[in-house]
Amino acid sequence: MGGSSAPGTGARLTAIVNRVIFVGASTGGTEAIKTFLLGFPANCPPTMIVQHMPESFTGSFAMRLNGVCQPRVIEAQGGETLAMGTVYLAPGHSHMRVQKVGIGYATELLKTPPVNRHRPSVDVLFDSAAEVVGRHAVGVILTGMGKDGAAGLLRMRREGARTFGQDEASCVVYGMPREAALIGAVEEVASLEMLAQKALAASR
């Protein structure tokens, strides 16, 4: 079922990207991300995801998601132009950022030091979203321990992005979403089952 074999794949490359969805997760995130992406159609906005995970697992995780989700899911290699219907998972060895390229956006990988003790770090991704995509971004922070992503999500919201946090009841660990909510970074808290619908509605 993976998006790589879905009809209309070629059209994704020419579709104008107006919105980009950014997602961060840690403990409990693999199942949360799968549930979140199962709510996405094949032609979803380009989506960039940081999941705290060792580099030996991110490639196989992307392949597993690609096999069950309608959009195409890949492990980012750096330099990919963001396309409709494609989800980009940060590799476990590098930070991932979004960069402006011409009239569109592309992935960028950095092997700079860990941030919040993590590489990839959600804050690095979210900071770039605030800086580069601004009010055309949608941020989602999912289950996880610690506070990675909270400050970046706040920057996104201050730049006019729509921001969402997973609720405590559906989190494996209500750490990252809680920290984001406490500092006012989260516009709306929702259950995991509702987050895909809300992120997609905000990206229209």
Protein backbone atom coordinates (compact mmCIF):
# COMPACT_ATOMS: atom_id res chain seq x y z
CA MET A 1 0.00 0.00 0.00
CA GLY A 2 2.98 2.34 0.31
CA GLY A 3 2.72 5.64 -1.50
CA SER A 4 5.65 4.79 -3.76
CA SER A 5 3.35 2.69 -5.93
CA ALA A 6 0.30 4.93 -5.70
CA PRO A 7 -1.07 6.42 -8.95
CA GLY A 8 -0.27 10.05 -9.61
CA THR A 9 3.15 9.94 -7.97
CA GLY A 10 4.68 12.05 -10.75
CA ALA A 11 2.17 14.84 -10.17
CA ARG A 12 3.51 15.31 -6.64
CA LEU A 13 6.75 16.70 -7.98
CA THR A 14 5.03 19.59 -9.75
CA ALA A 15 2.34 20.37 -7.17
CA ILE A 16 2.91 23.69 -5.45
CA VAL A 17 3.63 23.23 -1.76
CA ASN A 18 1.70 25.79 0.30
CA ARG A 19 1.89 24.16 3.73
CA VAL A 20 4.30 21.85 5.48
CA ILE A 21 3.53 19.68 8.54
CA PHE A 22 6.26 19.16 11.16
CA VAL A 23 6.06 16.39 13.78
CA GLY A 24 8.19 15.55 16.81
CA ALA A 25 8.03 12.48 19.06
CA SER A 26 10.07 10.37 21.46
CA THR A 27 9.04 7.60 23.89
CA GLY A 28 5.96 5.84 22.49
CA GLY A 29 6.34 7.77 19.27
CA THR A 30 6.70 4.90 16.82
CA GLU A 31 3.13 3.72 17.35
CA ALA A 32 1.85 7.28 17.72
CA ILE A 33 3.42 8.31 14.40
CA LYS A 34 1.93 5.26 12.70
CA THR A 35 -1.55 6.08 14.03
CA PHE A 36 -1.11 9.72 13.04
CA LEU A 37 -0.02 8.91 9.47
CA LEU A 38 -2.76 6.32 8.97
CA GLY A 39 -5.12 9.31 9.02
CA PHE A 40 -3.30 10.94 6.06
CA PRO A 41 -4.44 10.69 2.43
CA ALA A 42 -2.02 9.85 -0.38
CA ASN A 43 -1.84 13.53 -1.44
CA CYS A 44 -1.13 14.94 2.04
CA PRO A 45 1.03 18.04 2.53
CA PRO A 46 4.76 17.26 2.78
CA THR A 47 5.48 16.16 6.34
CA MET A 48 8.82 16.16 8.18
CA ILE A 49 9.18 13.98 11.28
CA VAL A 50 11.78 13.67 14.01
CA GLN A 51 11.49 10.56 16.17
CA HIS A 52 14.19 9.97 18.78
CA MET A 53 15.59 6.66 17.57
CA PRO A 54 19.02 5.07 16.92
CA GLU A 55 20.27 5.34 13.36
CA SER A 56 20.13 1.59 12.87
CA PHE A 57 16.32 1.69 13.19
CA THR A 58 15.13 4.78 11.31
CA GLY A 59 15.48 3.28 7.84
CA SER A 60 13.46 0.18 8.69
CA PHE A 61 10.89 2.32 10.55
CA ALA A 62 10.39 4.45 7.43
CA MET A 63 9.98 1.30 5.31
CA ARG A 64 7.43 -0.11 7.76
CA LEU A 65 5.41 3.12 7.67
CA ASN A 66 5.61 3.22 3.88
CA GLY A 67 4.09 -0.24 3.77
CA VAL A 68 0.99 0.66 5.77
CA CYS A 69 0.34 4.36 5.08
CA GLN A 70 -1.15 5.96 1.97
CA PRO A 71 1.56 8.65 1.56
CA ARG A 72 5.11 7.72 0.56
CA VAL A 73 7.35 7.54 3.65
CA ILE A 74 11.14 7.77 3.29
CA GLU A 75 14.18 8.22 5.49
CA ALA A 76 15.57 11.63 4.52
CA GLN A 77 18.97 11.61 2.82
CA GLY A 78 19.31 15.40 2.66
CA GLY A 79 18.55 17.65 -0.28
CA GLU A 80 15.16 16.16 -1.19
CA THR A 81 12.69 18.73 -2.55
CA LEU A 82 9.55 18.56 -0.42
CA ALA A 83 6.69 17.08 -2.42
CA MET A 84 3.01 16.54 -1.79
CA GLY A 85 2.20 13.04 -0.63
CA THR A 86 5.63 12.41 0.89
CA VAL A 87 6.70 12.04 4.52
CA TYR A 88 10.37 12.59 5.45
CA LEU A 89 11.72 10.84 8.56
CA ALA A 90 14.95 12.15 10.07
CA PRO A 91 17.74 9.56 10.10
CA GLY A 92 19.00 8.64 13.54
CA HIS A 93 22.48 10.07 12.91
CA SER A 94 21.63 13.67 11.96
CA HIS A 95 19.51 16.68 12.76
CA MET A 96 16.97 17.48 10.05
CA ARG A 97 15.98 21.00 8.99
CA VAL A 98 13.79 22.48 6.30
CA GLN A 99 15.45 24.89 3.90
CA LYS A 100 14.11 27.22 1.20
CA VAL A 101 15.07 26.23 -2.33
CA GLY A 102 13.69 28.37 -5.15
CA ILE A 103 9.92 28.56 -4.74
CA GLY A 104 9.84 25.38 -2.67
CA TYR A 105 11.45 23.66 0.29
CA ALA A 106 13.99 20.88 0.77
CA THR A 107 15.42 18.72 3.53
CA GLU A 108 18.80 19.46 5.09
CA LEU A 109 20.78 17.12 7.33
CA LEU A 110 23.36 18.30 9.88
CA LYS A 111 25.75 16.22 11.99
CA THR A 112 26.15 19.05 14.50
CA PRO A 113 26.23 18.34 18.26
CA PRO A 114 23.12 17.01 20.03
CA VAL A 115 20.47 19.49 21.17
CA ASN A 116 18.56 18.65 24.37
CA ARG A 117 20.79 15.54 24.41
CA HIS A 118 19.26 14.37 21.13
CA ARG A 119 20.33 14.06 17.52
CA PRO A 120 18.04 14.30 15.69
CA SER A 121 16.40 16.97 17.83
CA VAL A 122 12.80 18.10 17.47
CA ASP A 123 13.81 21.65 18.41
CA VAL A 124 16.22 21.83 15.47
CA LEU A 125 13.43 20.84 13.07
CA PHE A 126 10.85 23.14 14.66
CA ASP A 127 13.27 26.09 14.80
CA SER A 128 13.87 25.76 11.07
CA ALA A 129 10.11 25.55 10.48
CA ALA A 130 9.60 28.81 12.36
CA GLU A 131 12.43 30.52 10.49
CA VAL A 132 11.81 29.21 6.97
CA VAL A 133 8.12 28.27 6.68
CA GLY A 134 6.61 30.55 9.34
CA ARG A 135 2.82 30.93 9.20
CA HIS A 136 2.58 28.28 6.47
CA ALA A 137 3.77 25.60 8.90
CA VAL A 138 1.76 23.21 11.07
CA GLY A 139 3.49 21.78 14.16
CA VAL A 140 2.52 18.63 16.05
CA ILE A 141 4.21 17.39 19.21
CA LEU A 142 3.54 13.80 20.24
CA THR A 143 4.27 11.52 23.18
CA GLY A 144 7.79 11.64 24.60
CA MET A 145 9.97 12.12 27.64
CA GLY A 146 11.67 15.44 28.33
CA LYS A 147 11.16 18.83 26.70
CA ASP A 148 12.70 18.56 23.22
CA GLY A 149 10.49 20.43 20.78
CA ALA A 150 8.68 22.66 23.28
CA ALA A 151 10.76 25.79 22.66
CA GLY A 152 10.79 25.21 18.90
CA LEU A 153 7.02 24.78 18.82
CA LEU A 154 6.64 28.07 20.70
CA ARG A 155 8.79 29.79 18.07
CA MET A 156 6.58 28.28 15.39
CA ARG A 157 3.43 29.57 17.06
CA ARG A 158 4.94 33.04 17.46
CA GLU A 159 5.62 33.07 13.71
CA GLY A 160 1.96 32.32 13.01
CA ALA A 161 2.10 28.54 12.56
CA ARG A 162 -0.76 26.34 13.74
CA THR A 163 0.38 24.11 16.62
CA PHE A 164 -1.08 20.98 18.21
CA GLY A 165 -0.14 18.75 21.13
CA GLN A 166 -1.14 15.20 22.01
CA ASP A 167 -3.31 14.95 25.12
CA GLU A 168 -2.18 13.24 28.31
CA ALA A 169 -4.71 10.41 28.09
CA SER A 170 -3.38 9.13 24.75
CA CYS A 171 0.35 9.63 25.47
CA VAL A 172 2.68 6.84 26.55
CA VAL A 173 4.72 9.57 28.30
CA TYR A 174 3.16 13.00 28.72
CA GLY A 175 6.46 14.86 28.78
CA MET A 176 7.20 16.76 25.58
CA PRO A 177 3.55 17.74 24.91
CA ARG A 178 3.15 18.81 28.54
CA GLU A 179 6.25 21.03 28.44
CA ALA A 180 5.05 22.58 25.19
CA ALA A 181 1.59 23.24 26.63
CA LEU A 182 3.02 24.76 29.82
CA ILE A 183 4.92 27.46 27.91
CA GLY A 184 2.03 28.31 25.63
CA ALA A 185 3.42 26.63 22.52
CA VAL A 186 0.33 24.50 21.89
CA GLU A 187 -2.66 26.14 20.25
CA GLU A 188 -4.85 23.09 20.75
CA VAL A 189 -4.54 19.81 22.66
CA ALA A 190 -6.18 16.76 21.11
CA SER A 191 -6.26 12.98 21.35
CA LEU A 192 -3.94 11.02 19.08
CA GLU A 193 -6.95 9.82 17.09
CA MET A 194 -7.94 13.43 16.28
CA LEU A 195 -4.51 14.95 15.57
CA ALA A 196 -4.22 13.92 11.92
CA GLN A 197 -7.62 15.40 11.13
CA LYS A 198 -6.75 18.65 12.90
CA ALA A 199 -3.31 18.97 11.27
CA LEU A 200 -4.77 18.35 7.82
CA ALA A 201 -7.57 20.86 8.38
CA ALA A 202 -5.02 23.47 9.52
CA SER A 203 -2.94 22.86 6.39
CA ARG A 204 -5.71 23.68 3.93
